Amino acid sequence: MWRILAPAGAALQGLRALGCLLLLLLSGGTALAQSSSVGDDVISLAPQTIQAGTAGALHVRVHFPLGYHLNPRAPLLYTVQSRGAGLTIAEADRSGETIAPPLPLVIPFQTAAGTHQGTLHLAVTFYYCREDNTGVCVIQDVRWQVPVHVRPEASNRAVVVSYAAEVPAVGQ
């Protein structure tokens, strides 16, 4: 996926503010940045079973390739929705923007008593760069869909999603 950022000078100035340089191609004075992305694909996970009638949390784990890290000056953005019954996410926790959050990102929720089924829909955008903050930074968009079974006999209180970021392909 390609995203048009701005005229080349403005794009480079904005990227310097983030402390890194995205993959850039100049085309007619416009900077184009490659966004490494899952695109329109949604990562569909196997159902996870969690305990009914208790506080729980969604844990978002992102693993970076050797020599890369989460950009500490760029925002990590997320939105999460719960569809179905038995799992409630407070309005304030349904979306967020944070700089340099500790990973895993933890989003709290509450489960209802009884037996229920629902689905969590999660979208996360983050930036990762080389450890030395030179060269390439990547804008990554990831979306998950997780069926959730709420059961009184379950002992697990966390839903876990993971993503393994890849080394960006230069020159493609």
C-alpha atoms as a PDB file:
ATOM      1  CA  MET A   1       0.000   0.000   0.000  1.00  0.00           C
ATOM      2  CA  TRP A   2       1.322   3.456  -0.888  1.00  0.00           C
ATOM      3  CA  ARG A   3       0.333   6.613   0.911  1.00  0.00           C
ATOM      4  CA  ILE A   4       0.909  10.065  -0.518  1.00  0.00           C
ATOM      5  CA  LEU A   5       2.344  12.148   2.264  1.00  0.00           C
ATOM      6  CA  ALA A   6       2.941  15.660   0.925  1.00  0.00           C
ATOM      7  CA  PRO A   7       5.294  17.594  -1.327  1.00  0.00           C
ATOM      8  CA  ALA A   8       8.765  16.126  -0.867  1.00  0.00           C
ATOM      9  CA  GLY A   9      10.179  18.902   1.354  1.00  0.00           C
ATOM     10  CA  ALA A  10       7.216  18.876   3.746  1.00  0.00           C
ATOM     11  CA  ALA A  11       7.221  15.092   3.921  1.00  0.00           C
ATOM     12  CA  LEU A  12      10.911  14.935   4.788  1.00  0.00           C
ATOM     13  CA  GLN A  13      10.525  17.656   7.434  1.00  0.00           C
ATOM     14  CA  GLY A  14       7.618  15.761   9.046  1.00  0.00           C
ATOM     15  CA  LEU A  15       9.574  12.519   8.989  1.00  0.00           C
ATOM     16  CA  ARG A  16      12.548  14.135  10.694  1.00  0.00           C
ATOM     17  CA  ALA A  17      10.175  15.104  13.505  1.00  0.00           C
ATOM     18  CA  LEU A  18       9.386  11.415  13.963  1.00  0.00           C
ATOM     19  CA  GLY A  19      13.100  10.704  14.256  1.00  0.00           C
ATOM     20  CA  CYS A  20      13.380   8.359  11.281  1.00  0.00           C
ATOM     21  CA  LEU A  21      13.050   8.080   7.522  1.00  0.00           C
ATOM     22  CA  LEU A  22      10.381   6.072   5.740  1.00  0.00           C
ATOM     23  CA  LEU A  23      10.971   4.308   2.442  1.00  0.00           C
ATOM     24  CA  LEU A  24      10.710   7.202   0.010  1.00  0.00           C
ATOM     25  CA  LEU A  25      10.298   7.382  -3.724  1.00  0.00           C
ATOM     26  CA  LEU A  26      10.114  10.752  -5.419  1.00  0.00           C
ATOM     27  CA  SER A  27       7.593  11.026  -8.224  1.00  0.00           C
ATOM     28  CA  GLY A  28       6.939  14.428  -9.735  1.00  0.00           C
ATOM     29  CA  GLY A  29       7.978  16.252  -6.576  1.00  0.00           C
ATOM     30  CA  THR A  30       5.671  14.214  -4.368  1.00  0.00           C
ATOM     31  CA  ALA A  31       7.043  11.904  -1.694  1.00  0.00           C
ATOM     32  CA  LEU A  32       5.462   8.485  -1.571  1.00  0.00           C
ATOM     33  CA  ALA A  33       5.982   6.342   1.513  1.00  0.00           C
ATOM     34  CA  GLN A  34       5.550   2.619   1.496  1.00  0.00           C
ATOM     35  CA  SER A  35       3.335   1.478   4.281  1.00  0.00           C
ATOM     36  CA  SER A  36       3.954  -2.092   5.249  1.00  0.00           C
ATOM     37  CA  SER A  37       0.456  -3.257   5.893  1.00  0.00           C
ATOM     38  CA  VAL A  38      -1.748  -6.246   6.221  1.00  0.00           C
ATOM     39  CA  GLY A  39      -3.949  -4.147   3.914  1.00  0.00           C
ATOM     40  CA  ASP A  40      -7.613  -4.999   3.898  1.00  0.00           C
ATOM     41  CA  ASP A  41      -6.860  -8.405   5.376  1.00  0.00           C
ATOM     42  CA  VAL A  42      -8.045  -9.194   8.851  1.00  0.00           C
ATOM     43  CA  ILE A  43      -6.157 -11.697  10.973  1.00  0.00           C
ATOM     44  CA  SER A  44      -8.840 -14.127  12.119  1.00  0.00           C
ATOM     45  CA  LEU A  45      -7.841 -15.948  15.277  1.00  0.00           C
ATOM     46  CA  ALA A  46      -9.151 -19.111  16.879  1.00  0.00           C
ATOM     47  CA  PRO A  47     -11.777 -18.628  19.597  1.00  0.00           C
ATOM     48  CA  GLN A  48     -10.488 -17.759  23.057  1.00  0.00           C
ATOM     49  CA  THR A  49     -12.381 -18.672  26.227  1.00  0.00           C
ATOM     50  CA  ILE A  50     -12.409 -16.318  29.203  1.00  0.00           C
ATOM     51  CA  GLN A  51     -13.936 -16.278  32.675  1.00  0.00           C
ATOM     52  CA  ALA A  52     -17.449 -14.872  33.140  1.00  0.00           C
ATOM     53  CA  GLY A  53     -18.360 -12.173  35.643  1.00  0.00           C
ATOM     54  CA  THR A  54     -14.942 -10.605  36.081  1.00  0.00           C
ATOM     55  CA  ALA A  55     -12.548  -7.902  34.880  1.00  0.00           C
ATOM     56  CA  GLY A  56     -10.302  -8.989  32.045  1.00  0.00           C
ATOM     57  CA  ALA A  57      -8.016  -7.471  29.441  1.00  0.00           C
ATOM     58  CA  LEU A  58      -7.082  -7.647  25.792  1.00  0.00           C
ATOM     59  CA  HIS A  59      -3.297  -8.003  25.441  1.00  0.00           C
ATOM     60  CA  VAL A  60      -1.817  -6.771  22.153  1.00  0.00           C
ATOM     61  CA  ARG A  61       1.663  -8.206  21.586  1.00  0.00           C
ATOM     62  CA  VAL A  62       3.843  -6.883  18.788  1.00  0.00           C
ATOM     63  CA  HIS A  63       7.175  -8.534  18.050  1.00  0.00           C
ATOM     64  CA  PHE A  64       9.768  -6.624  16.055  1.00  0.00           C
ATOM     65  CA  PRO A  65      12.515  -8.055  13.850  1.00  0.00           C
ATOM     66  CA  LEU A  66      16.033  -8.097  15.229  1.00  0.00           C
ATOM     67  CA  GLY A  67      17.435  -4.567  15.076  1.00  0.00           C
ATOM     68  CA  TYR A  68      14.022  -2.798  15.071  1.00  0.00           C
ATOM     69  CA  HIS A  69      11.895  -1.189  17.786  1.00  0.00           C
ATOM     70  CA  LEU A  70       8.660   0.742  18.302  1.00  0.00           C
ATOM     71  CA  ASN A  71       9.286   4.383  17.375  1.00  0.00           C
ATOM     72  CA  PRO A  72       9.269   6.205  20.738  1.00  0.00           C
ATOM     73  CA  ARG A  73       8.169   9.515  19.155  1.00  0.00           C
ATOM     74  CA  ALA A  74       5.317   8.316  16.939  1.00  0.00           C
ATOM     75  CA  PRO A  75       1.789   7.492  18.065  1.00  0.00           C
ATOM     76  CA  LEU A  76       0.391   4.019  18.454  1.00  0.00           C
ATOM     77  CA  LEU A  77      -3.321   4.193  17.628  1.00  0.00           C
ATOM     78  CA  TYR A  78      -5.976   1.577  18.277  1.00  0.00           C
ATOM     79  CA  THR A  79      -9.707   0.986  18.073  1.00  0.00           C
ATOM     80  CA  VAL A  80     -11.526  -2.020  19.484  1.00  0.00           C
ATOM     81  CA  GLN A  81     -15.155  -3.106  19.263  1.00  0.00           C
ATOM     82  CA  SER A  82     -17.005  -5.920  20.950  1.00  0.00           C
ATOM     83  CA  ARG A  83     -19.862  -7.483  19.027  1.00  0.00           C
ATOM     84  CA  GLY A  84     -22.164 -10.049  20.527  1.00  0.00           C
ATOM     85  CA  ALA A  85     -22.882 -10.560  24.200  1.00  0.00           C
ATOM     86  CA  GLY A  86     -20.975 -10.946  27.442  1.00  0.00           C
ATOM     87  CA  LEU A  87     -18.027  -8.601  26.975  1.00  0.00           C
ATOM     88  CA  THR A  88     -18.086  -4.841  27.618  1.00  0.00           C
ATOM     89  CA  ILE A  89     -15.338  -2.348  26.856  1.00  0.00           C
ATOM     90  CA  ALA A  90     -15.659   1.058  28.522  1.00  0.00           C
ATOM     91  CA  GLU A  91     -16.154   3.906  26.068  1.00  0.00           C
ATOM     92  CA  ALA A  92     -12.848   5.515  27.103  1.00  0.00           C
ATOM     93  CA  ASP A  93     -10.986   2.275  26.287  1.00  0.00           C
ATOM     94  CA  ARG A  94     -12.528   1.667  22.834  1.00  0.00           C
ATOM     95  CA  SER A  95      -9.925   3.816  21.090  1.00  0.00           C
ATOM     96  CA  GLY A  96      -6.659   5.400  22.013  1.00  0.00           C
ATOM     97  CA  GLU A  97      -3.539   7.171  20.896  1.00  0.00           C
ATOM     98  CA  THR A  98      -0.386   6.871  22.922  1.00  0.00           C
ATOM     99  CA  ILE A  99       3.313   7.602  22.514  1.00  0.00           C
ATOM    100  CA  ALA A 100       5.838   4.899  23.465  1.00  0.00           C
ATOM    101  CA  PRO A 101       3.420   2.625  25.316  1.00  0.00           C
ATOM    102  CA  PRO A 102       4.761  -0.365  27.206  1.00  0.00           C
ATOM    103  CA  LEU A 103       4.144  -3.567  25.271  1.00  0.00           C
ATOM    104  CA  PRO A 104       2.030  -5.553  25.398  1.00  0.00           C
ATOM    105  CA  LEU A 105      -0.656  -2.920  25.077  1.00  0.00           C
ATOM    106  CA  VAL A 106      -3.384  -3.781  27.610  1.00  0.00           C
ATOM    107  CA  ILE A 107      -7.024  -2.803  27.016  1.00  0.00           C
ATOM    108  CA  PRO A 108      -9.373  -3.587  29.931  1.00  0.00           C
ATOM    109  CA  PHE A 109     -12.855  -5.085  29.604  1.00  0.00           C
ATOM    110  CA  GLN A 110     -15.571  -6.566  31.806  1.00  0.00           C
ATOM    111  CA  THR A 111     -17.308  -9.908  31.253  1.00  0.00           C
ATOM    112  CA  ALA A 112     -20.919 -10.588  32.199  1.00  0.00           C
ATOM    113  CA  ALA A 113     -22.012 -13.507  34.376  1.00  0.00           C
ATOM    114  CA  GLY A 114     -23.228 -16.563  32.508  1.00  0.00           C
ATOM    115  CA  THR A 115     -22.361 -18.116  29.157  1.00  0.00           C
ATOM    116  CA  HIS A 116     -21.934 -15.806  26.163  1.00  0.00           C
ATOM    117  CA  GLN A 117     -20.304 -15.503  22.768  1.00  0.00           C
ATOM    118  CA  GLY A 118     -18.990 -12.438  21.017  1.00  0.00           C
ATOM    119  CA  THR A 119     -16.240 -11.181  18.752  1.00  0.00           C
ATOM    120  CA  LEU A 120     -13.554  -8.591  19.341  1.00  0.00           C
ATOM    121  CA  HIS A 121     -12.551  -6.437  16.348  1.00  0.00           C
ATOM    122  CA  LEU A 122      -9.232  -4.646  16.834  1.00  0.00           C
ATOM    123  CA  ALA A 123      -7.277  -2.271  14.589  1.00  0.00           C
ATOM    124  CA  VAL A 124      -3.797  -0.997  15.529  1.00  0.00           C
ATOM    125  CA  THR A 125      -1.461   1.399  13.719  1.00  0.00           C
ATOM    126  CA  PHE A 126       2.129   1.728  14.884  1.00  0.00           C
ATOM    127  CA  TYR A 127       5.519   2.879  13.612  1.00  0.00           C
ATOM    128  CA  TYR A 128       8.705   0.900  13.958  1.00  0.00           C
ATOM    129  CA  CYS A 129      12.277   1.825  13.090  1.00  0.00           C
ATOM    130  CA  ARG A 130      15.784   0.505  13.099  1.00  0.00           C
ATOM    131  CA  GLU A 131      17.329   0.515  16.587  1.00  0.00           C
ATOM    132  CA  ASP A 132      19.833   3.200  15.581  1.00  0.00           C
ATOM    133  CA  ASN A 133      16.956   5.412  14.309  1.00  0.00           C
ATOM    134  CA  THR A 134      18.581   5.784  10.892  1.00  0.00           C
ATOM    135  CA  GLY A 135      17.328   4.451   7.620  1.00  0.00           C
ATOM    136  CA  VAL A 136      13.925   2.906   7.461  1.00  0.00           C
ATOM    137  CA  CYS A 137      10.789   3.362   9.563  1.00  0.00           C
ATOM    138  CA  VAL A 138       7.590   1.529   8.755  1.00  0.00           C
ATOM    139  CA  ILE A 139       3.945   2.474   9.281  1.00  0.00           C
ATOM    140  CA  GLN A 140       2.119  -0.735  10.122  1.00  0.00           C
ATOM    141  CA  ASP A 141      -1.664  -1.233  10.153  1.00  0.00           C
ATOM    142  CA  VAL A 142      -2.910  -4.501  11.634  1.00  0.00           C
ATOM    143  CA  ARG A 143      -6.462  -5.742  12.175  1.00  0.00           C
ATOM    144  CA  TRP A 144      -7.637  -8.757  14.153  1.00  0.00           C
ATOM    145  CA  GLN A 145     -10.942 -10.531  14.634  1.00  0.00           C
ATOM    146  CA  VAL A 146     -11.170 -12.749  17.719  1.00  0.00           C
ATOM    147  CA  PRO A 147     -14.177 -14.894  18.652  1.00  0.00           C
ATOM    148  CA  VAL A 148     -14.584 -14.850  22.430  1.00  0.00           C
ATOM    149  CA  HIS A 149     -16.435 -17.435  24.526  1.00  0.00           C
ATOM    150  CA  VAL A 150     -17.374 -16.271  28.022  1.00  0.00           C
ATOM    151  CA  ARG A 151     -17.848 -19.201  30.402  1.00  0.00           C
ATOM    152  CA  PRO A 152     -18.300 -19.406  34.198  1.00  0.00           C
ATOM    153  CA  GLU A 153     -15.933 -22.394  34.455  1.00  0.00           C
ATOM    154  CA  ALA A 154     -13.076 -20.699  32.543  1.00  0.00           C
ATOM    155  CA  SER A 155     -10.084 -19.414  34.491  1.00  0.00           C
ATOM    156  CA  ASN A 156      -8.421 -17.260  31.826  1.00  0.00           C
ATOM    157  CA  ARG A 157      -9.041 -13.504  32.100  1.00  0.00           C
ATOM    158  CA  ALA A 158      -7.048 -12.321  29.084  1.00  0.00           C
ATOM    159  CA  VAL A 159      -7.584 -12.356  25.346  1.00  0.00           C
ATOM    160  CA  VAL A 160      -4.219 -12.284  23.572  1.00  0.00           C
ATOM    161  CA  VAL A 161      -3.446 -11.159  20.033  1.00  0.00           C
ATOM    162  CA  SER A 162       0.045 -11.135  18.533  1.00  0.00           C
ATOM    163  CA  TYR A 163       1.713  -9.804  15.438  1.00  0.00           C
ATOM    164  CA  ALA A 164       5.246 -10.365  14.148  1.00  0.00           C
ATOM    165  CA  ALA A 165       6.424  -7.312  12.188  1.00  0.00           C
ATOM    166  CA  GLU A 166       8.817  -7.998   9.325  1.00  0.00           C
ATOM    167  CA  VAL A 167      11.998  -6.353   8.091  1.00  0.00           C
ATOM    168  CA  PRO A 168      10.875  -3.924   5.392  1.00  0.00           C
ATOM    169  CA  ALA A 169      11.696  -4.914   1.824  1.00  0.00           C
ATOM    170  CA  VAL A 170      13.787  -2.100   0.353  1.00  0.00           C
ATOM    171  CA  GLY A 171      13.688  -1.483  -3.389  1.00  0.00           C
ATOM    172  CA  GLN A 172      10.334  -3.084  -4.187  1.00  0.00           C
END
